[in-house]
Amino acid sequence: MFESGGAAALNIAVLVFREGLECILVLSAITATMVGAASVYRRPVALGAGVALVASLVTWEIAVRIIDDLTESFSALQVQAVTGLLAVAVLLVVMNWFFHKVYWTGWISLHTTRKQALITRARTAPSPRGLFFGLALLGFSSLYREGVEVVLFLQSYRLKLGAAAVYTGLWMGLVSTVVVAALTFWMRRRLPYRKMLVMTGVLLGVVLLIMVGEQAQEMQLAHWLPTTNVPALDLFMPAWTGVWFSLFPTVETLAAQFVAGTLVLGSYLVARKRGPTARPVESRAASAAGSAAAGRAKNSEIRT
């Protein structure tokens, strides 16, 4: 028994919006100092992000063809089990990095440091073409990483529920992302980025537990896992809890959800124990994005 199409669409929308929000924060950090005369540097960054979007669509088509070919050689349950494991792995990575400072300090710092090096080099040894492609590559990597994660995540839903539910959730998430991007880069509004990250992080935690329960049941149906029913839980877990929350009265599904929840909570506690310098660094990235929006707004007011 799988979750309904409506629930799946909401789950997809949350993940797509979360990945889009991360991309916006990275791009905001890159373009934070690109104001005034330096605003021309934002064009290759935007172009690189646009190319990454197209590359993500191409990656989607390649992934779809590969998985469709696999369904001709293996049973549908086996392929669904594998793609489900892949989707769970993507969510575990996203949830782990959400609380882990290395992602934010490493990934964002890598981009900002590289940007500064490109601009400094262009001033000392002018190379317009090298600067253009270097900044475009920063924009490309900022978006394509998130795009690949979304592509991998969606394959499981596509196999189980078809393209309609996937495209519905995808468009919901993309529209939300475009709204935030427009407010950030064009309308120069300072948004509560950290609150949005926390909110989507909590929602993704729920999505993770749902997917883990569903994945464990798929593995039971494929006979990769045994099925140990717990009759005492039947009263507390009617059929609708399986449809919406993937809660099934079996030892294996509940144990898998418990382990996944423990991993996510454990990564959060480890980050907290490292002290104030290891507090979730996405707050610093969110502050940088807000400061960048405020700076662009101030610069626009000066020009007018």
Protein backbone atom coordinates (compact mmCIF):
# COMPACT_ATOMS: atom_id res chain seq x y z
CA MET A 1 0.00 0.00 0.00
CA PHE A 2 1.55 3.28 -1.09
CA GLU A 3 0.85 6.86 -0.05
CA SER A 4 -1.76 8.75 -2.07
CA GLY A 5 -0.93 10.91 -5.04
CA GLY A 6 -1.84 14.06 -3.08
CA ALA A 7 0.49 13.20 -0.22
CA ALA A 8 3.27 12.32 -2.67
CA ALA A 9 2.85 15.62 -4.51
CA LEU A 10 3.19 17.54 -1.23
CA ASN A 11 6.29 15.57 -0.29
CA ILE A 12 7.85 16.29 -3.67
CA ALA A 13 6.96 19.98 -3.43
CA VAL A 14 8.64 20.26 -0.02
CA LEU A 15 11.87 18.65 -1.24
CA VAL A 16 12.00 20.71 -4.45
CA PHE A 17 11.38 23.92 -2.52
CA ARG A 18 14.03 22.98 0.03
CA GLU A 19 16.62 22.30 -2.67
CA GLY A 20 15.65 25.52 -4.44
CA LEU A 21 16.03 27.47 -1.21
CA GLU A 22 19.54 26.09 -0.72
CA CYS A 23 20.43 27.07 -4.27
CA ILE A 24 19.12 30.61 -3.70
CA LEU A 25 21.24 30.97 -0.57
CA VAL A 26 24.39 29.84 -2.37
CA LEU A 27 23.73 32.19 -5.30
CA SER A 28 23.00 35.01 -2.86
CA ALA A 29 26.34 34.43 -1.16
CA ILE A 30 28.10 34.51 -4.54
CA THR A 31 26.41 37.71 -5.70
CA ALA A 32 26.41 39.47 -2.31
CA THR A 33 29.18 41.92 -3.30
CA MET A 34 28.16 42.24 -6.93
CA VAL A 35 26.55 45.67 -6.69
CA GLY A 36 27.12 48.92 -8.53
CA ALA A 37 29.79 48.58 -11.20
CA ALA A 38 30.36 44.96 -10.15
CA SER A 39 26.77 44.02 -10.99
CA VAL A 40 27.94 42.93 -14.45
CA TYR A 41 29.51 39.90 -12.78
CA ARG A 42 26.04 38.63 -11.92
CA ARG A 43 25.21 37.94 -15.57
CA PRO A 44 27.56 34.98 -16.10
CA VAL A 45 26.47 33.56 -12.73
CA ALA A 46 22.84 33.73 -13.84
CA LEU A 47 23.73 32.21 -17.21
CA GLY A 48 25.52 29.32 -15.51
CA ALA A 49 22.49 28.68 -13.31
CA GLY A 50 20.26 28.68 -16.40
CA VAL A 51 22.49 26.14 -18.13
CA ALA A 52 22.41 24.01 -14.97
CA LEU A 53 18.61 24.01 -15.11
CA VAL A 54 18.71 22.71 -18.68
CA ALA A 55 21.36 20.15 -17.68
CA SER A 56 19.10 18.98 -14.83
CA LEU A 57 16.29 18.37 -17.32
CA VAL A 58 18.67 16.38 -19.53
CA THR A 59 19.79 14.39 -16.49
CA TRP A 60 16.12 13.65 -15.75
CA GLU A 61 15.61 12.24 -19.25
CA ILE A 62 18.74 10.09 -18.98
CA ALA A 63 17.70 8.76 -15.56
CA VAL A 64 14.19 7.96 -16.82
CA ARG A 65 15.54 5.99 -19.79
CA ILE A 66 18.01 4.05 -17.67
CA ILE A 67 15.40 3.08 -15.09
CA ASP A 68 12.82 2.21 -17.76
CA ASP A 69 15.40 -0.08 -19.36
CA LEU A 70 16.01 -1.72 -15.99
CA THR A 71 12.30 -2.51 -15.62
CA GLU A 72 12.58 -4.67 -18.73
CA SER A 73 15.28 -6.82 -17.11
CA PHE A 74 14.10 -6.88 -13.50
CA SER A 75 10.74 -7.07 -11.76
CA ALA A 76 8.91 -3.82 -11.04
CA LEU A 77 9.09 -4.46 -7.29
CA GLN A 78 12.85 -4.88 -7.39
CA VAL A 79 13.39 -1.68 -9.38
CA GLN A 80 11.01 0.21 -7.09
CA ALA A 81 12.90 -1.07 -4.07
CA VAL A 82 16.22 0.13 -5.51
CA THR A 83 14.94 3.57 -6.52
CA GLY A 84 13.24 3.87 -3.14
CA LEU A 85 16.54 3.20 -1.39
CA LEU A 86 18.12 5.88 -3.59
CA ALA A 87 15.43 8.39 -2.62
CA VAL A 88 15.89 7.60 1.07
CA ALA A 89 19.66 8.03 0.69
CA VAL A 90 19.13 11.48 -0.88
CA LEU A 91 16.87 12.52 1.99
CA LEU A 92 19.34 11.26 4.60
CA VAL A 93 22.10 13.32 2.97
CA VAL A 94 19.88 16.41 2.83
CA MET A 95 18.78 16.02 6.45
CA ASN A 96 22.29 15.33 7.67
CA TRP A 97 23.76 18.39 5.95
CA PHE A 98 20.89 20.50 7.19
CA PHE A 99 22.36 20.33 10.69
CA HIS A 100 25.99 19.80 9.74
CA LYS A 101 28.21 22.87 9.50
CA VAL A 102 30.62 21.32 7.01
CA TYR A 103 28.10 21.59 4.17
CA TRP A 104 27.46 25.27 4.61
CA THR A 105 30.97 26.36 5.51
CA GLY A 106 32.55 24.11 2.87
CA TRP A 107 30.14 24.49 -0.04
CA ILE A 108 29.33 28.18 0.32
CA SER A 109 32.88 29.15 1.28
CA LEU A 110 34.19 27.25 -1.73
CA HIS A 111 32.00 29.30 -4.05
CA THR A 112 32.65 32.68 -2.41
CA THR A 113 36.41 32.06 -2.23
CA ARG A 114 36.52 30.97 -5.85
CA LYS A 115 34.49 34.03 -6.88
CA GLN A 116 36.84 36.38 -5.07
CA ALA A 117 39.88 34.68 -6.60
CA LEU A 118 38.42 35.05 -10.10
CA ILE A 119 37.66 38.74 -9.64
CA THR A 120 41.07 39.45 -8.09
CA ARG A 121 42.84 37.63 -10.90
CA ALA A 122 40.83 39.57 -13.49
CA ARG A 123 42.05 42.85 -11.98
CA THR A 124 45.72 41.86 -11.97
CA ALA A 125 45.78 39.87 -15.21
CA PRO A 126 42.67 40.76 -17.24
CA SER A 127 41.07 37.77 -18.95
CA PRO A 128 37.40 38.51 -19.71
CA ARG A 129 36.77 35.07 -21.13
CA GLY A 130 38.31 33.27 -18.15
CA LEU A 131 36.36 35.41 -15.69
CA PHE A 132 33.12 34.86 -17.61
CA PHE A 133 33.44 31.08 -17.71
CA GLY A 134 34.68 30.91 -14.12
CA LEU A 135 31.68 32.81 -12.78
CA ALA A 136 29.34 30.84 -15.05
CA LEU A 137 30.75 27.61 -13.62
CA LEU A 138 30.02 28.83 -10.09
CA GLY A 139 26.40 29.49 -11.06
CA PHE A 140 26.21 26.10 -12.78
CA SER A 141 27.52 24.10 -9.80
CA SER A 142 25.26 26.01 -7.38
CA LEU A 143 22.13 24.77 -9.13
CA TYR A 144 23.12 21.50 -10.77
CA ARG A 145 24.03 19.82 -7.48
CA GLU A 146 20.52 20.43 -6.18
CA GLY A 147 19.03 19.42 -9.53
CA VAL A 148 20.73 16.01 -9.47
CA GLU A 149 19.46 15.35 -5.95
CA VAL A 150 15.90 16.15 -7.06
CA VAL A 151 16.22 13.91 -10.15
CA LEU A 152 17.38 10.95 -8.05
CA PHE A 153 14.70 11.52 -5.45
CA LEU A 154 11.83 11.64 -7.95
CA GLN A 155 12.53 8.35 -9.72
CA SER A 156 10.91 6.28 -7.00
CA TYR A 157 7.70 8.34 -7.09
CA ARG A 158 7.60 8.23 -10.89
CA LEU A 159 7.69 4.44 -10.91
CA LYS A 160 5.04 4.05 -8.21
CA LEU A 161 2.60 6.83 -9.02
CA GLY A 162 3.34 7.88 -12.58
CA ALA A 163 4.33 11.23 -13.99
CA ALA A 164 1.18 13.17 -13.01
CA ALA A 165 1.84 13.23 -9.26
CA VAL A 166 5.54 13.92 -9.84
CA TYR A 167 4.92 16.88 -12.15
CA THR A 168 2.27 18.29 -9.81
CA GLY A 169 4.63 18.30 -6.85
CA LEU A 170 7.51 19.49 -9.02
CA TRP A 171 5.61 22.50 -10.27
CA MET A 172 4.37 23.36 -6.77
CA GLY A 173 7.94 23.35 -5.49
CA LEU A 174 9.29 25.25 -8.49
CA VAL A 175 6.66 27.98 -8.26
CA SER A 176 7.47 28.49 -4.58
CA THR A 177 11.18 28.63 -5.40
CA VAL A 178 10.66 31.13 -8.23
CA VAL A 179 8.65 33.39 -5.90
CA VAL A 180 11.43 33.39 -3.30
CA ALA A 181 14.07 33.93 -6.01
CA ALA A 182 12.13 36.87 -7.46
CA LEU A 183 11.77 38.46 -4.04
CA THR A 184 15.47 37.93 -3.33
CA PHE A 185 17.15 38.90 -6.59
CA TRP A 186 14.72 41.23 -8.37
CA MET A 187 12.56 42.84 -5.67
CA ARG A 188 15.51 42.86 -3.23
CA ARG A 189 13.45 41.77 -0.25
CA ARG A 190 15.01 40.41 2.93
CA LEU A 191 13.15 37.18 3.73
CA PRO A 192 13.18 34.94 6.83
CA TYR A 193 15.49 32.41 5.16
CA ARG A 194 16.50 30.63 8.34
CA LYS A 195 12.89 30.12 9.39
CA MET A 196 12.10 28.72 5.95
CA LEU A 197 15.07 26.37 6.21
CA VAL A 198 13.95 25.16 9.63
CA MET A 199 10.36 24.72 8.47
CA THR A 200 11.31 22.76 5.36
CA GLY A 201 13.82 20.76 7.41
CA VAL A 202 11.10 19.65 9.83
CA LEU A 203 8.75 18.79 6.95
CA LEU A 204 11.49 16.81 5.23
CA GLY A 205 12.03 14.90 8.47
CA VAL A 206 8.39 13.78 8.26
CA VAL A 207 8.82 12.95 4.56
CA LEU A 208 11.89 10.87 5.42
CA LEU A 209 9.99 8.78 7.97
CA ILE A 210 7.15 8.25 5.49
CA MET A 211 9.52 7.17 2.72
CA VAL A 212 11.48 4.84 5.00
CA GLY A 213 8.29 3.09 6.11
CA GLU A 214 7.13 2.79 2.52
CA GLN A 215 10.54 1.57 1.38
CA ALA A 216 10.66 -1.08 4.09
CA GLN A 217 7.24 -2.35 3.00
CA GLU A 218 8.38 -2.48 -0.63
CA MET A 219 11.37 -4.56 0.42
CA GLN A 220 8.99 -6.88 2.26
CA LEU A 221 6.86 -7.24 -0.87
CA ALA A 222 10.02 -7.98 -2.88
CA HIS A 223 10.96 -10.57 -0.21
CA TRP A 224 14.13 -8.69 0.66
CA LEU A 225 12.92 -8.28 4.24
CA PRO A 226 10.83 -10.59 6.43
CA THR A 227 7.39 -9.49 7.62
CA THR A 228 6.73 -9.72 11.34
CA ASN A 229 3.22 -8.50 12.06
CA VAL A 230 2.32 -6.93 15.40
CA PRO A 231 -1.44 -7.60 15.83
CA ALA A 232 -1.59 -5.45 18.95
CA LEU A 233 -0.91 -2.37 16.80
CA ASP A 234 -3.71 -2.99 14.29
CA LEU A 235 -6.11 -0.95 16.41
CA PHE A 236 -3.77 2.05 16.41
CA MET A 237 -2.73 1.82 12.76
CA PRO A 238 -5.80 1.61 10.50
CA ALA A 239 -5.44 1.51 6.71
CA TRP A 240 -5.36 5.29 6.30
CA THR A 241 -2.20 5.62 8.40
CA GLY A 242 -0.46 3.43 5.85
CA VAL A 243 -1.74 5.52 2.93
CA TRP A 244 -0.76 8.92 4.35
CA PHE A 245 2.08 8.20 6.77
CA SER A 246 3.40 4.76 5.75
CA LEU A 247 2.81 3.46 9.26
CA PHE A 248 2.41 -0.31 9.16
CA PRO A 249 2.05 -2.69 12.12
CA THR A 250 5.21 -4.67 11.39
CA VAL A 251 8.46 -4.84 13.29
CA GLU A 252 10.62 -4.21 10.23
CA THR A 253 8.89 -1.04 8.98
CA LEU A 254 8.72 0.53 12.43
CA ALA A 255 12.32 -0.38 13.21
CA ALA A 256 13.49 1.18 9.92
CA GLN A 257 11.64 4.41 10.73
CA PHE A 258 13.10 4.44 14.23
CA VAL A 259 16.66 4.05 12.87
CA ALA A 260 16.15 6.84 10.30
CA GLY A 261 14.75 9.18 12.92
CA THR A 262 17.64 8.36 15.24
CA LEU A 263 20.20 9.14 12.51
CA VAL A 264 18.68 12.54 11.79
CA LEU A 265 18.27 13.45 15.46
CA GLY A 266 21.77 12.16 16.19
CA SER A 267 23.33 14.38 13.51
CA TYR A 268 21.54 17.36 15.04
CA LEU A 269 22.72 16.56 18.57
CA VAL A 270 26.30 16.03 17.39
CA ALA A 271 26.26 19.44 15.71
CA ARG A 272 24.85 21.07 18.84
CA LYS A 273 27.48 19.50 21.09
CA ARG A 274 30.29 21.03 19.08
CA GLY A 275 29.57 24.37 20.65
CA PRO A 276 28.35 27.76 19.47
CA THR A 277 30.74 27.81 16.50
CA ALA A 278 29.05 24.66 15.22
CA ARG A 279 25.53 25.94 15.46
CA PRO A 280 23.61 25.35 12.21
CA VAL A 281 25.62 27.43 9.77
CA GLU A 282 22.68 27.83 7.43
CA SER A 283 21.75 30.74 9.70
CA ARG A 284 24.93 32.52 8.61
CA ALA A 285 24.17 31.75 4.97
CA ALA A 286 20.65 33.08 5.48
CA SER A 287 22.06 36.24 7.05
CA ALA A 288 24.40 36.67 4.08
CA ALA A 289 21.47 36.32 1.69
CA GLY A 290 19.49 38.89 3.65
CA SER A 291 22.42 41.27 3.76
CA ALA A 292 22.95 40.85 0.02
CA ALA A 293 19.31 41.69 -0.67
CA ALA A 294 19.52 44.73 1.62
CA GLY A 295 22.73 45.85 -0.08
CA ARG A 296 21.23 45.59 -3.53
CA ALA A 297 18.15 47.49 -2.38
CA LYS A 298 20.30 50.28 -0.90
CA ASN A 299 22.39 50.49 -4.04
CA SER A 300 19.24 50.74 -6.14
CA GLU A 301 17.95 53.59 -3.96
CA ILE A 302 21.25 55.45 -4.36
CA ARG A 303 21.08 55.19 -8.14
CA THR A 304 17.54 56.51 -8.17
